Amino acid sequence: MPKFQRPVRKIRKSRVSRTGFVSARGDQPAANYESSLERDFFIVLRFDLGYEVDYYCHQPLYVEVPKLNGRTSRYPIDAYVEFCANLNKYPRLVEVKYRKALTHVLQLFTTNLRV
């Protein structure tokens, strides 16, 4: 998978949620965030650069998500992370969510799942 050079969408200022950016280090571009949890995640990645993390990018691509009505919508993934070669880890697409939000999503999937 190639390194993603820039995000697929721009995060704008918001009065509803915490937005901003984590400054860059070295040749790494700054990472924009839309919540305190995302901010903390990118700060950890920034300090791990060169130790475990080789590269990261915020909102690198869209994923097609099916809806209940049969249509699909585009959803931006929060981050793409590449690890240092000596760790033998695959690159990861990361979605940063609060536990409460994950519980809600899990309930939606289990109530709408038809087996």
N, C-alpha and C. Protein backbone atom coordinates (compact mmCIF):
# COMPACT_ATOMS: atom_id res chain seq x y z
N MET A 1 0.85 -1.18 0.00
CA MET A 1 0.00 0.00 0.00
C MET A 1 0.90 1.24 0.00
N PRO A 2 0.60 2.21 -0.85
CA PRO A 2 1.45 3.40 -0.93
C PRO A 2 1.26 4.32 0.27
N LYS A 3 2.26 5.14 0.51
CA LYS A 3 2.10 6.17 1.53
C LYS A 3 1.10 7.20 1.01
N PHE A 4 0.17 7.56 1.83
CA PHE A 4 -0.81 8.56 1.44
C PHE A 4 -0.18 9.94 1.67
N GLN A 5 -0.20 10.77 0.67
CA GLN A 5 0.47 12.05 0.73
C GLN A 5 -0.35 13.13 1.42
N ARG A 6 -1.66 13.10 1.25
CA ARG A 6 -2.51 14.11 1.88
C ARG A 6 -3.90 13.55 2.16
N PRO A 7 -4.62 14.17 3.08
CA PRO A 7 -5.95 13.67 3.45
C PRO A 7 -6.96 13.86 2.32
N VAL A 8 -8.05 13.08 2.37
CA VAL A 8 -9.08 13.16 1.33
C VAL A 8 -10.07 14.30 1.58
N ARG A 9 -10.09 14.84 2.80
CA ARG A 9 -10.95 15.98 3.07
C ARG A 9 -10.30 16.88 4.11
N LYS A 10 -10.69 18.14 4.08
CA LYS A 10 -10.13 19.12 5.01
C LYS A 10 -11.04 19.24 6.24
N ILE A 11 -10.45 19.21 7.42
CA ILE A 11 -11.21 19.37 8.66
C ILE A 11 -11.30 20.85 8.97
N ARG A 12 -12.50 21.34 9.07
CA ARG A 12 -12.72 22.77 9.32
C ARG A 12 -13.00 23.02 10.81
N LYS A 13 -12.88 24.27 11.21
CA LYS A 13 -13.19 24.64 12.59
C LYS A 13 -14.64 24.31 12.90
N SER A 14 -14.89 23.94 14.14
CA SER A 14 -16.24 23.56 14.55
C SER A 14 -16.55 24.13 15.92
N ARG A 15 -17.79 24.52 16.11
CA ARG A 15 -18.25 24.97 17.43
C ARG A 15 -18.80 23.81 18.25
N VAL A 16 -19.01 22.68 17.59
CA VAL A 16 -19.61 21.52 18.24
C VAL A 16 -18.55 20.57 18.80
N SER A 17 -17.49 20.33 18.05
CA SER A 17 -16.46 19.40 18.50
C SER A 17 -15.09 20.08 18.51
N ARG A 18 -14.15 19.45 19.18
CA ARG A 18 -12.79 19.99 19.27
C ARG A 18 -12.05 19.66 17.98
N THR A 19 -11.56 20.67 17.30
CA THR A 19 -10.80 20.48 16.08
C THR A 19 -9.48 21.22 16.18
N GLY A 20 -8.52 20.80 15.36
CA GLY A 20 -7.22 21.45 15.35
C GLY A 20 -6.22 20.59 14.63
N PHE A 21 -4.92 20.79 14.92
CA PHE A 21 -3.90 19.97 14.30
C PHE A 21 -2.76 19.73 15.28
N VAL A 22 -2.10 18.59 15.10
CA VAL A 22 -0.91 18.25 15.86
C VAL A 22 0.27 18.58 14.96
N SER A 23 1.18 19.42 15.46
CA SER A 23 2.28 19.90 14.63
C SER A 23 3.17 18.77 14.14
N ALA A 24 3.86 19.04 13.07
CA ALA A 24 4.70 18.04 12.42
C ALA A 24 6.04 17.89 13.12
N ARG A 25 6.70 16.79 12.83
CA ARG A 25 8.04 16.53 13.33
C ARG A 25 8.84 15.92 12.19
N GLY A 26 9.96 16.50 11.85
CA GLY A 26 10.77 16.01 10.74
C GLY A 26 10.06 16.27 9.42
N ASP A 27 10.01 15.27 8.54
CA ASP A 27 9.33 15.44 7.25
C ASP A 27 7.88 14.98 7.30
N GLN A 28 7.39 14.67 8.48
CA GLN A 28 6.01 14.24 8.68
C GLN A 28 5.07 15.44 8.60
N PRO A 29 4.00 15.38 7.79
CA PRO A 29 3.05 16.50 7.75
C PRO A 29 2.22 16.60 9.03
N ALA A 30 1.68 17.77 9.31
CA ALA A 30 0.83 17.96 10.48
C ALA A 30 -0.45 17.13 10.31
N ALA A 31 -1.02 16.67 11.43
CA ALA A 31 -2.22 15.84 11.40
C ALA A 31 -3.39 16.61 12.00
N ASN A 32 -4.47 16.74 11.26
CA ASN A 32 -5.68 17.39 11.76
C ASN A 32 -6.52 16.38 12.55
N TYR A 33 -7.28 16.89 13.51
CA TYR A 33 -8.13 16.00 14.32
C TYR A 33 -9.50 16.64 14.52
N GLU A 34 -10.48 15.78 14.89
CA GLU A 34 -11.86 16.22 15.12
C GLU A 34 -12.37 15.88 16.51
N SER A 35 -11.51 15.39 17.38
CA SER A 35 -11.92 15.10 18.76
C SER A 35 -10.67 15.07 19.64
N SER A 36 -10.88 15.15 20.94
CA SER A 36 -9.76 15.08 21.88
C SER A 36 -9.07 13.73 21.79
N LEU A 37 -9.84 12.67 21.56
CA LEU A 37 -9.27 11.33 21.47
C LEU A 37 -8.36 11.21 20.23
N GLU A 38 -8.80 11.75 19.10
CA GLU A 38 -7.96 11.75 17.90
C GLU A 38 -6.69 12.56 18.14
N ARG A 39 -6.83 13.71 18.80
CA ARG A 39 -5.66 14.54 19.10
C ARG A 39 -4.64 13.75 19.91
N ASP A 40 -5.11 13.07 20.97
CA ASP A 40 -4.21 12.28 21.80
C ASP A 40 -3.56 11.15 21.01
N PHE A 41 -4.32 10.51 20.11
CA PHE A 41 -3.79 9.44 19.27
C PHE A 41 -2.65 9.96 18.39
N PHE A 42 -2.84 11.11 17.76
CA PHE A 42 -1.81 11.66 16.88
C PHE A 42 -0.59 12.15 17.67
N ILE A 43 -0.80 12.61 18.90
CA ILE A 43 0.33 13.00 19.74
C ILE A 43 1.19 11.78 20.07
N VAL A 44 0.55 10.66 20.39
CA VAL A 44 1.29 9.43 20.67
C VAL A 44 2.06 8.98 19.42
N LEU A 45 1.40 9.03 18.24
CA LEU A 45 2.08 8.65 17.01
C LEU A 45 3.29 9.55 16.75
N ARG A 46 3.12 10.85 17.00
CA ARG A 46 4.20 11.80 16.77
C ARG A 46 5.43 11.48 17.62
N PHE A 47 5.21 11.12 18.88
CA PHE A 47 6.33 10.79 19.75
C PHE A 47 6.91 9.41 19.46
N ASP A 48 6.14 8.54 18.79
CA ASP A 48 6.63 7.22 18.41
C ASP A 48 7.37 7.23 17.07
N LEU A 49 7.37 8.36 16.36
CA LEU A 49 8.06 8.44 15.08
C LEU A 49 9.53 8.09 15.25
N GLY A 50 10.01 7.16 14.43
CA GLY A 50 11.40 6.75 14.49
C GLY A 50 11.66 5.59 15.43
N TYR A 51 10.77 5.34 16.35
CA TYR A 51 10.92 4.21 17.27
C TYR A 51 10.09 3.02 16.79
N GLU A 52 8.80 3.20 16.75
CA GLU A 52 7.91 2.14 16.24
C GLU A 52 7.17 2.57 14.98
N VAL A 53 6.85 3.85 14.88
CA VAL A 53 6.06 4.37 13.76
C VAL A 53 6.99 5.01 12.73
N ASP A 54 6.82 4.62 11.47
CA ASP A 54 7.62 5.18 10.39
C ASP A 54 6.90 6.34 9.70
N TYR A 55 5.57 6.23 9.57
CA TYR A 55 4.79 7.24 8.85
C TYR A 55 3.34 7.13 9.26
N TYR A 56 2.64 8.26 9.28
CA TYR A 56 1.18 8.25 9.48
C TYR A 56 0.55 9.39 8.71
N CYS A 57 -0.73 9.23 8.41
CA CYS A 57 -1.49 10.25 7.67
C CYS A 57 -2.90 10.27 8.23
N HIS A 58 -3.47 11.47 8.42
CA HIS A 58 -4.85 11.56 8.91
C HIS A 58 -5.81 11.54 7.71
N GLN A 59 -6.92 10.89 7.88
CA GLN A 59 -7.99 10.74 6.88
C GLN A 59 -7.43 10.47 5.48
N PRO A 60 -6.78 9.30 5.30
CA PRO A 60 -6.11 9.01 4.03
C PRO A 60 -7.04 8.58 2.90
N LEU A 61 -8.21 8.02 3.22
CA LEU A 61 -9.09 7.54 2.15
C LEU A 61 -10.53 7.42 2.65
N TYR A 62 -11.43 7.28 1.68
CA TYR A 62 -12.84 7.04 1.99
C TYR A 62 -13.13 5.54 1.88
N VAL A 63 -14.07 5.07 2.69
CA VAL A 63 -14.54 3.70 2.63
C VAL A 63 -16.03 3.75 2.31
N GLU A 64 -16.47 2.89 1.41
CA GLU A 64 -17.89 2.81 1.07
C GLU A 64 -18.59 1.99 2.16
N VAL A 65 -19.61 2.59 2.79
CA VAL A 65 -20.34 1.93 3.87
C VAL A 65 -21.78 1.69 3.42
N PRO A 66 -22.24 0.42 3.47
CA PRO A 66 -23.62 0.14 3.06
C PRO A 66 -24.62 0.67 4.08
N LYS A 67 -25.74 1.19 3.59
CA LYS A 67 -26.82 1.66 4.46
C LYS A 67 -27.96 0.64 4.44
N LEU A 68 -28.91 0.80 5.35
CA LEU A 68 -30.04 -0.13 5.43
C LEU A 68 -30.93 -0.06 4.19
N ASN A 69 -30.97 1.09 3.52
CA ASN A 69 -31.83 1.23 2.34
C ASN A 69 -31.19 0.68 1.07
N GLY A 70 -30.02 0.06 1.19
CA GLY A 70 -29.36 -0.54 0.04
C GLY A 70 -28.35 0.37 -0.64
N ARG A 71 -28.37 1.63 -0.32
CA ARG A 71 -27.41 2.56 -0.91
C ARG A 71 -26.12 2.54 -0.09
N THR A 72 -25.12 3.25 -0.56
CA THR A 72 -23.87 3.35 0.19
C THR A 72 -23.52 4.81 0.43
N SER A 73 -22.71 5.04 1.45
CA SER A 73 -22.20 6.38 1.71
C SER A 73 -20.70 6.30 1.90
N ARG A 74 -20.02 7.42 1.71
CA ARG A 74 -18.56 7.45 1.86
C ARG A 74 -18.22 7.93 3.27
N TYR A 75 -17.27 7.22 3.89
CA TYR A 75 -16.86 7.53 5.26
C TYR A 75 -15.34 7.64 5.30
N PRO A 76 -14.79 8.76 5.79
CA PRO A 76 -13.33 8.88 5.85
C PRO A 76 -12.74 8.13 7.05
N ILE A 77 -11.72 7.32 6.80
CA ILE A 77 -11.00 6.62 7.86
C ILE A 77 -10.12 7.63 8.59
N ASP A 78 -9.98 7.50 9.91
CA ASP A 78 -9.25 8.49 10.70
C ASP A 78 -7.75 8.53 10.43
N ALA A 79 -7.10 7.38 10.26
CA ALA A 79 -5.64 7.41 10.12
C ALA A 79 -5.12 6.19 9.39
N TYR A 80 -3.95 6.37 8.78
CA TYR A 80 -3.16 5.30 8.18
C TYR A 80 -1.81 5.31 8.89
N VAL A 81 -1.35 4.17 9.37
CA VAL A 81 -0.10 4.10 10.13
C VAL A 81 0.81 3.04 9.53
N GLU A 82 2.06 3.42 9.24
CA GLU A 82 3.09 2.47 8.82
C GLU A 82 4.10 2.34 9.96
N PHE A 83 4.51 1.11 10.23
CA PHE A 83 5.46 0.85 11.31
C PHE A 83 6.87 0.68 10.74
N CYS A 84 7.87 0.81 11.59
CA CYS A 84 9.26 0.63 11.17
C CYS A 84 9.46 -0.80 10.65
N ALA A 85 10.33 -0.94 9.65
CA ALA A 85 10.53 -2.23 8.97
C ALA A 85 11.02 -3.32 9.92
N ASN A 86 11.81 -2.98 10.92
CA ASN A 86 12.35 -4.01 11.81
C ASN A 86 11.30 -4.63 12.74
N LEU A 87 10.10 -4.07 12.79
CA LEU A 87 9.04 -4.61 13.65
C LEU A 87 8.20 -5.67 12.95
N ASN A 88 8.31 -5.77 11.62
CA ASN A 88 7.54 -6.75 10.83
C ASN A 88 6.04 -6.64 11.07
N LYS A 89 5.53 -5.43 11.14
CA LYS A 89 4.09 -5.21 11.29
C LYS A 89 3.53 -4.65 9.98
N TYR A 90 2.32 -5.07 9.66
CA TYR A 90 1.65 -4.55 8.47
C TYR A 90 1.15 -3.13 8.74
N PRO A 91 1.03 -2.31 7.69
CA PRO A 91 0.41 -0.98 7.86
C PRO A 91 -1.04 -1.15 8.30
N ARG A 92 -1.57 -0.15 8.99
CA ARG A 92 -2.94 -0.25 9.52
C ARG A 92 -3.77 0.97 9.17
N LEU A 93 -5.02 0.72 8.88
CA LEU A 93 -6.02 1.79 8.80
C LEU A 93 -6.68 1.82 10.17
N VAL A 94 -6.75 3.00 10.79
CA VAL A 94 -7.21 3.12 12.17
C VAL A 94 -8.43 4.03 12.24
N GLU A 95 -9.44 3.59 12.96
CA GLU A 95 -10.62 4.40 13.25
C GLU A 95 -10.61 4.67 14.75
N VAL A 96 -10.54 5.92 15.14
CA VAL A 96 -10.43 6.32 16.54
C VAL A 96 -11.83 6.68 17.05
N LYS A 97 -12.32 5.91 18.03
CA LYS A 97 -13.66 6.15 18.58
C LYS A 97 -13.64 5.97 20.09
N TYR A 98 -14.52 6.70 20.76
CA TYR A 98 -14.74 6.49 22.19
C TYR A 98 -15.49 5.18 22.39
N ARG A 99 -15.29 4.55 23.53
CA ARG A 99 -15.94 3.27 23.82
C ARG A 99 -17.47 3.38 23.73
N LYS A 100 -18.01 4.48 24.22
CA LYS A 100 -19.46 4.67 24.18
C LYS A 100 -19.98 4.66 22.75
N ALA A 101 -19.25 5.29 21.85
CA ALA A 101 -19.65 5.32 20.44
C ALA A 101 -19.57 3.93 19.83
N LEU A 102 -18.57 3.14 20.21
CA LEU A 102 -18.45 1.78 19.69
C LEU A 102 -19.59 0.90 20.18
N THR A 103 -19.99 1.07 21.42
CA THR A 103 -21.11 0.32 21.96
C THR A 103 -22.39 0.63 21.18
N HIS A 104 -22.59 1.89 20.86
CA HIS A 104 -23.77 2.31 20.09
C HIS A 104 -23.74 1.69 18.69
N VAL A 105 -22.60 1.71 18.04
CA VAL A 105 -22.48 1.14 16.69
C VAL A 105 -22.71 -0.36 16.73
N LEU A 106 -22.16 -1.03 17.73
CA LEU A 106 -22.36 -2.47 17.87
C LEU A 106 -23.84 -2.80 18.05
N GLN A 107 -24.57 -2.02 18.83
CA GLN A 107 -26.01 -2.24 19.02
C GLN A 107 -26.75 -2.06 17.70
N LEU A 108 -26.37 -1.05 16.92
CA LEU A 108 -27.02 -0.86 15.62
C LEU A 108 -26.81 -2.06 14.71
N PHE A 109 -25.58 -2.57 14.67
CA PHE A 109 -25.29 -3.70 13.80
C PHE A 109 -26.03 -4.97 14.25
N THR A 110 -26.07 -5.21 15.56
CA THR A 110 -26.69 -6.45 16.03
C THR A 110 -28.21 -6.39 15.90
N THR A 111 -28.84 -5.24 16.04
CA THR A 111 -30.30 -5.15 15.90
C THR A 111 -30.72 -5.16 14.44
N ASN A 112 -29.87 -4.72 13.54
CA ASN A 112 -30.22 -4.68 12.12
C ASN A 112 -29.66 -5.86 11.34
N LEU A 113 -28.96 -6.75 12.02
CA LEU A 113 -28.36 -7.90 11.36
C LEU A 113 -29.41 -8.98 11.15
N ARG A 114 -29.49 -9.45 9.93
CA ARG A 114 -30.45 -10.53 9.62
C ARG A 114 -29.66 -11.75 9.20
N VAL A 115 -29.83 -12.82 9.95
CA VAL A 115 -29.07 -14.04 9.66
C VAL A 115 -29.95 -15.05 8.98
